[in-house]
Protein backbone atom coordinates (compact mmCIF):
# COMPACT_ATOMS: atom_id res chain seq x y z
CA MET A 1 9.16 1.57 -20.72
CA PRO A 2 6.19 -0.79 -21.41
CA ARG A 3 4.65 0.20 -18.07
CA PHE A 4 4.95 3.91 -18.94
CA VAL A 5 3.30 3.33 -22.30
CA ALA A 6 0.52 1.18 -20.80
CA LEU A 7 -0.24 3.77 -18.11
CA ALA A 8 -0.23 6.60 -20.65
CA VAL A 9 -2.63 4.71 -22.92
CA ALA A 10 -4.88 3.86 -19.97
CA ALA A 11 -4.92 7.50 -18.82
CA ILE A 12 -5.75 8.80 -22.32
CA ALA A 13 -8.51 6.20 -22.70
CA GLY A 14 -9.97 7.17 -19.33
CA LEU A 15 -9.91 10.88 -20.17
CA ALA A 16 -11.53 10.23 -23.56
CA GLY A 17 -14.27 8.19 -21.91
CA PHE A 18 -14.81 10.90 -19.30
CA LEU A 19 -15.20 13.65 -21.91
CA ARG A 20 -17.45 11.52 -24.11
CA LEU A 21 -19.89 10.54 -21.35
CA GLY A 22 -20.48 14.13 -20.27
CA ASP A 23 -22.69 14.97 -17.29
CA SER A 24 -23.93 11.44 -16.60
CA TRP A 25 -24.11 9.08 -13.65
CA TRP A 26 -22.24 6.57 -15.81
CA GLN A 27 -19.21 8.68 -14.94
CA LEU A 28 -19.04 6.77 -11.65
CA ALA A 29 -17.62 3.86 -13.64
CA ILE A 30 -14.89 6.21 -14.87
CA GLY A 31 -14.37 7.28 -11.25
CA ALA A 32 -13.74 3.70 -10.19
CA TYR A 33 -11.51 3.18 -13.23
CA SER A 34 -9.43 6.26 -12.37
CA GLY A 35 -9.05 5.03 -8.78
CA LEU A 36 -7.54 1.79 -10.08
CA LEU A 37 -5.36 3.77 -12.48
CA PHE A 38 -4.13 5.97 -9.61
CA THR A 39 -3.03 2.81 -7.80
CA GLN A 40 -1.04 1.61 -10.80
CA ILE A 41 0.60 5.04 -11.02
CA GLY A 42 1.37 4.69 -7.32
CA PHE A 43 3.12 1.37 -7.98
CA LEU A 44 5.42 3.09 -10.45
CA GLY A 45 6.00 5.88 -7.93
CA HIS A 46 6.89 3.18 -5.41
CA ASP A 47 9.54 1.86 -7.81
CA ALA A 48 10.94 5.37 -8.26
CA GLY A 49 11.10 5.78 -4.48
CA HIS A 50 13.20 2.62 -4.34
CA GLN A 51 15.54 4.04 -7.02
CA GLN A 52 14.57 1.29 -9.46
CA VAL A 53 13.74 3.24 -12.60
CA PHE A 54 16.84 5.36 -13.37
CA ARG A 55 20.47 4.90 -12.40
CA GLY A 56 20.70 8.20 -10.52
CA ARG A 57 18.76 9.30 -7.43
CA ARG A 58 17.96 12.73 -8.86
CA TRP A 59 15.91 11.44 -11.80
CA ASN A 60 14.19 8.77 -9.70
CA ASP A 61 13.13 11.42 -7.18
CA ARG A 62 11.95 13.76 -9.92
CA LEU A 63 9.85 11.00 -11.42
CA GLY A 64 8.52 10.11 -7.98
CA LEU A 65 7.46 13.70 -7.36
CA VAL A 66 5.61 13.88 -10.66
CA LEU A 67 3.89 10.52 -10.26
CA SER A 68 3.04 10.86 -6.56
CA ASN A 69 2.37 14.56 -5.96
CA LEU A 70 1.11 15.59 -9.38
CA GLY A 71 -0.33 12.27 -10.55
CA VAL A 72 -1.88 10.76 -7.42
CA GLY A 73 -1.97 13.70 -5.00
CA LEU A 74 0.25 12.24 -2.24
CA SER A 75 3.44 13.65 -0.77
CA TYR A 76 6.38 11.75 -2.24
CA GLY A 77 8.82 12.86 0.48
CA TRP A 78 6.46 11.82 3.27
CA TRP A 79 5.82 8.44 1.70
CA VAL A 80 9.52 7.69 1.05
CA ASP A 81 10.43 8.46 4.67
CA LYS A 82 7.56 6.33 5.99
CA HIS A 83 8.25 3.47 3.61
CA ASN A 84 12.00 3.43 4.31
CA ARG A 85 11.29 3.07 8.03
CA HIS A 86 9.02 0.14 7.22
CA HIS A 87 11.74 -1.55 5.17
CA ARG A 88 14.36 -1.09 7.89
CA SER A 89 12.16 -2.67 10.58
CA PRO A 90 9.23 -4.58 9.04
CA ASN A 91 6.55 -5.67 11.54
CA GLU A 92 8.52 -4.30 14.49
CA VAL A 93 6.27 -2.39 16.85
CA GLY A 94 7.74 1.00 17.70
CA ARG A 95 9.83 1.13 14.52
CA ASP A 96 7.59 0.12 11.61
CA PRO A 97 4.92 2.82 10.99
CA ASP A 98 2.73 0.22 9.28
CA VAL A 99 2.09 -1.56 12.59
CA GLU A 100 1.56 1.53 14.71
CA ARG A 101 -1.68 1.59 16.69
CA ASN A 102 -4.33 3.53 14.79
CA VAL A 103 -7.90 2.57 13.97
CA LEU A 104 -6.75 -1.05 13.84
CA ALA A 105 -4.64 -2.87 16.41
CA TRP A 106 -1.81 -5.16 15.34
CA THR A 107 -0.92 -6.63 18.74
CA GLU A 108 -2.97 -7.63 21.78
CA GLN A 109 -1.32 -4.85 23.78
CA GLN A 110 -2.48 -2.30 21.23
CA ALA A 111 -5.98 -3.82 21.20
CA ARG A 112 -6.25 -3.63 25.00
CA SER A 113 -5.24 0.04 24.92
CA GLN A 114 -8.06 0.99 22.54
CA ARG A 115 -10.96 2.93 24.03
CA GLY A 116 -14.52 3.78 23.05
CA LEU A 117 -15.39 3.19 19.40
CA LEU A 118 -11.85 1.97 18.65
CA ARG A 119 -12.27 -0.76 21.26
CA ILE A 120 -15.48 -1.90 19.59
CA ILE A 121 -13.68 -1.94 16.24
CA ALA A 122 -10.85 -3.96 17.81
CA ARG A 123 -13.35 -6.70 18.66
CA HIS A 124 -14.47 -6.97 15.05
CA GLN A 125 -11.54 -5.66 13.03
CA ASP A 126 -11.47 -8.67 10.72
CA LEU A 127 -14.99 -7.69 9.62
CA VAL A 128 -14.29 -3.98 9.16
CA PHE A 129 -10.82 -4.29 7.59
CA PHE A 130 -11.87 -4.13 3.93
CA PRO A 131 -14.63 -1.54 4.50
CA LEU A 132 -12.06 0.66 6.25
CA LEU A 133 -9.81 0.44 3.20
CA LEU A 134 -12.42 2.52 1.38
CA LEU A 135 -11.19 5.40 3.55
CA GLU A 136 -7.48 4.71 3.10
CA GLY A 137 -7.12 7.11 0.16
CA TRP A 138 -8.45 9.97 2.27
CA ASN A 139 -6.17 8.94 5.13
CA LEU A 140 -3.11 9.14 2.87
CA HIS A 141 -4.11 12.58 1.57
CA VAL A 142 -4.59 13.90 5.11
CA GLY A 143 -1.26 12.41 6.18
CA SER A 144 0.49 14.09 3.25
CA ILE A 145 -0.93 17.51 4.07
CA ARG A 146 -0.24 17.17 7.79
CA VAL A 147 3.42 16.30 7.27
CA LEU A 148 3.98 18.95 4.60
CA ARG A 149 2.75 21.61 7.01
CA GLN A 150 5.47 20.56 9.45
CA ARG A 151 8.33 20.19 6.99
CA THR A 152 10.58 22.88 5.56
CA ARG A 153 12.89 21.05 3.14
CA GLY A 154 11.27 20.40 -0.23
CA ARG A 155 7.90 21.62 0.97
CA LEU A 156 7.41 24.30 -1.69
CA ILE A 157 7.73 22.10 -4.77
CA GLU A 158 5.66 19.31 -3.21
CA ALA A 159 2.92 21.73 -2.13
CA LEU A 160 2.89 23.31 -5.58
CA LEU A 161 2.48 19.96 -7.33
CA LEU A 162 -0.25 18.90 -4.90
CA THR A 163 -2.06 22.19 -5.53
CA VAL A 164 -1.87 21.72 -9.30
CA HIS A 165 -3.17 18.15 -8.92
CA THR A 166 -6.12 19.26 -6.79
CA ALA A 167 -7.01 22.44 -8.64
CA GLY A 168 -6.64 20.82 -12.05
CA GLY A 169 -8.75 17.84 -11.04
CA VAL A 170 -11.53 19.97 -9.57
CA ALA A 171 -11.56 22.26 -12.63
CA LEU A 172 -11.80 19.29 -15.00
CA LEU A 173 -14.61 17.68 -13.02
CA LEU A 174 -16.67 20.87 -12.75
CA ALA A 175 -16.16 21.62 -16.46
CA VAL A 176 -18.00 18.39 -17.32
CA LEU A 177 -20.08 17.37 -14.29
CA SER A 178 -22.60 19.03 -12.03
CA PRO A 179 -21.27 19.77 -8.52
CA VAL A 180 -23.19 16.83 -7.02
CA ARG A 181 -21.98 14.35 -9.63
CA ALA A 182 -18.44 15.71 -9.31
CA LEU A 183 -18.52 15.16 -5.54
CA VAL A 184 -19.83 11.59 -5.89
CA PHE A 185 -17.22 10.95 -8.61
CA VAL A 186 -14.43 11.90 -6.19
CA VAL A 187 -15.90 9.72 -3.44
CA VAL A 188 -16.03 6.71 -5.78
CA GLN A 189 -12.56 7.41 -7.14
CA GLN A 190 -10.90 7.72 -3.74
CA SER A 191 -12.78 4.71 -2.38
CA ALA A 192 -11.60 2.55 -5.29
CA PHE A 193 -8.07 3.90 -4.89
CA GLY A 194 -7.94 3.15 -1.16
CA LEU A 195 -9.50 -0.30 -1.50
CA TYR A 196 -7.21 -1.38 -4.33
CA LEU A 197 -4.06 0.05 -2.78
CA GLY A 198 -4.79 -1.40 0.65
CA SER A 199 -5.73 -4.78 -0.82
CA THR A 200 -2.37 -5.03 -2.59
CA PHE A 201 -0.28 -4.12 0.44
CA ALA A 202 -2.23 -6.12 3.07
CA PRO A 203 -1.14 -9.63 1.94
CA ASN A 204 2.54 -8.71 2.14
CA HIS A 205 3.00 -8.59 5.93
CA LYS A 206 -0.32 -8.85 7.77
CA GLY A 207 -0.45 -12.05 9.76
CA MET A 208 3.29 -12.61 9.47
CA GLN A 209 5.71 -12.64 12.39
CA ILE A 210 5.78 -9.61 14.67
CA ILE A 211 9.38 -8.81 15.52
CA ASP A 212 10.38 -8.54 19.17
CA PRO A 213 12.76 -5.53 19.41
CA ALA A 214 14.78 -7.37 22.05
CA ALA A 215 15.38 -10.35 19.76
CA ARG A 216 17.29 -8.36 17.11
CA PRO A 217 17.22 -11.02 14.35
CA ASP A 218 19.70 -10.86 11.49
CA PHE A 219 18.80 -9.04 8.27
CA LEU A 220 17.79 -12.18 6.37
CA ARG A 221 15.36 -13.44 9.01
CA ARG A 222 14.03 -9.98 9.76
CA GLN A 223 13.01 -9.51 6.13
CA VAL A 224 11.96 -13.06 5.21
CA LEU A 225 10.00 -14.03 8.33
CA THR A 226 7.87 -10.90 8.14
CA SER A 227 7.06 -11.12 4.42
CA ARG A 228 4.79 -13.27 2.29
CA ASN A 229 4.93 -13.96 -1.45
CA LEU A 230 1.87 -14.45 -3.63
CA THR A 231 1.63 -17.07 -6.34
CA GLY A 232 -0.34 -16.57 -9.52
CA GLY A 233 2.09 -15.68 -12.27
CA ARG A 234 2.13 -12.68 -14.59
CA LEU A 235 -1.46 -11.55 -13.97
CA THR A 236 -0.85 -11.38 -10.22
CA SER A 237 2.36 -9.42 -10.85
CA VAL A 238 0.46 -6.86 -12.92
CA ALA A 239 -2.36 -6.55 -10.38
CA PHE A 240 0.06 -6.17 -7.46
CA GLY A 241 2.64 -4.01 -9.21
CA GLY A 242 5.33 -6.65 -8.75
CA LEU A 243 4.89 -6.60 -4.97
CA ASN A 244 3.69 -10.20 -5.01
CA TYR A 245 7.41 -11.04 -4.73
CA GLN A 246 7.55 -9.33 -1.36
CA ILE A 247 10.36 -11.42 0.14
CA GLU A 248 12.73 -10.65 -2.72
CA HIS A 249 11.66 -7.01 -2.71
CA HIS A 250 12.53 -6.67 0.97
CA LEU A 251 15.87 -8.38 0.57
CA PHE A 252 16.77 -6.32 -2.53
CA PRO A 253 14.64 -3.15 -2.37
CA SER A 254 16.43 -1.37 -5.21
CA MET A 255 16.09 -4.32 -7.61
CA PRO A 256 13.68 -3.47 -10.47
CA SER A 257 10.38 -5.27 -9.91
CA ARG A 258 10.60 -7.02 -13.28
CA ASN A 259 13.67 -8.95 -12.02
CA LEU A 260 12.15 -10.19 -8.76
CA ALA A 261 10.59 -13.28 -10.36
CA ARG A 262 13.98 -14.37 -11.68
CA CYS A 263 15.51 -13.83 -8.26
CA ARG A 264 12.86 -15.87 -6.44
CA PRO A 265 14.22 -19.43 -7.06
CA LEU A 266 17.66 -18.41 -5.77
CA VAL A 267 16.25 -16.81 -2.62
CA LYS A 268 13.90 -19.73 -1.93
CA ALA A 269 16.69 -22.28 -2.31
CA PHE A 270 18.96 -20.26 -0.03
CA CYS A 271 16.26 -20.00 2.65
CA GLU A 272 15.57 -23.73 2.48
CA ALA A 273 19.29 -24.48 2.78
CA HIS A 274 19.50 -22.36 5.93
CA ASP A 275 16.18 -23.48 7.50
CA VAL A 276 14.55 -20.06 7.14
CA PRO A 277 10.76 -20.41 6.53
CA TYR A 278 9.88 -19.03 3.11
CA THR A 279 6.17 -18.25 2.92
CA GLU A 280 4.20 -18.04 -0.31
CA THR A 281 0.55 -18.71 -1.01
CA HIS A 282 -2.23 -17.66 -3.37
CA VAL A 283 -4.02 -14.34 -3.04
CA LEU A 284 -7.25 -15.53 -1.41
CA ASP A 285 -5.36 -17.56 1.17
CA SER A 286 -3.22 -14.52 2.01
CA TYR A 287 -6.39 -12.56 2.76
CA ARG A 288 -7.71 -15.45 4.83
CA ARG A 289 -4.52 -15.50 6.90
CA SER A 290 -4.52 -11.74 7.34
CA LEU A 291 -8.14 -11.67 8.50
CA ARG A 292 -7.59 -14.65 10.75
CA TYR A 293 -4.76 -12.82 12.46
CA LEU A 294 -6.82 -9.63 12.85
CA ARG A 295 -9.60 -11.72 14.40
CA SER A 296 -7.13 -13.12 16.94
CA VAL A 297 -5.96 -9.67 18.09
CA ARG A 298 -8.65 -8.65 20.56
CA PRO A 299 -8.91 -6.31 23.56
CA ASP A 300 -10.55 -9.12 25.55
CA PRO A 301 -9.14 -12.43 24.25
CA ARG A 302 -11.45 -15.41 24.48
CA PRO A 303 -10.50 -18.08 27.01
CA GLY A 304 -8.32 -20.76 25.48
CA ALA A 305 -7.67 -18.77 22.31
CA SER A 306 -4.10 -18.99 21.13
CA PHE A 307 -2.88 -17.64 17.84
CA SER A 308 0.14 -15.65 16.78
CA ALA A 309 1.39 -13.96 13.65
CA GLU A 310 4.27 -16.38 13.61
CA SER A 311 1.95 -19.39 13.43
CA CYS A 312 0.22 -17.82 10.45
CA GLY A 313 3.46 -17.15 8.68
CA SER A 314 4.89 -20.62 8.28
CA ASP A 315 3.99 -23.27 5.74
């Protein structure tokens, strides 16, 4: 309940600031603010998708639809399907959609298969990673629309909520801002949304062990060896929506995020007792490790270079 109240207050404050500023370039600050707010709403939608908020699936899914489709403008059904596949097979190429070859390459084989501009990006992907996150919001919107066009089940209600989100947002912007300022507002908002969202998910798995499908590790090792916790206390938990306890979240995905911190000492002790590496570090170091791994994945590896996700994932 405190998170609902905090998000409601933040949304009302943002709307009040937007209406008070009027047709001004200072509205770009509100655009960035709303992008950060969208990410926090997305965190709560993530919890609903994991059935963490209510006891029953029906109410969790209803909340997820409202928060994701109506609140953020992303398809809840598409995201749940994609995210569930990630949880079943984290960091396993061919099974985890988060390590599929796209603009970035997550394995040397993927990097070598890149062509043209993508091959150039593969040579410098550690440098372009954060700039590319500015486009992640747009990528998620396009993915939502593409999948909804192909689906039949649940498509109508999701499409309706997405339409209300888009039409309502455009109407509100044009009622206060000139068309040019409204366009720039959306660009700033979606850039802040993509950067914040991507920056909170990147430390969780990037640079951790890539699973060999032939190895078939047990559930504990599959989830723990591919995940990384972030230290930093309550402020980090708020900034990362509770996903800083990524190991516990992957082991117990339906556990409410507020309980993950209490679960952590038990999980860490169990892993130590069974010689399973338990990785946790501070936020900046997690980014350093992620970028170091991206730098090592190249289409034309340098002679003598040797680095693996596994070596980055152990303390």
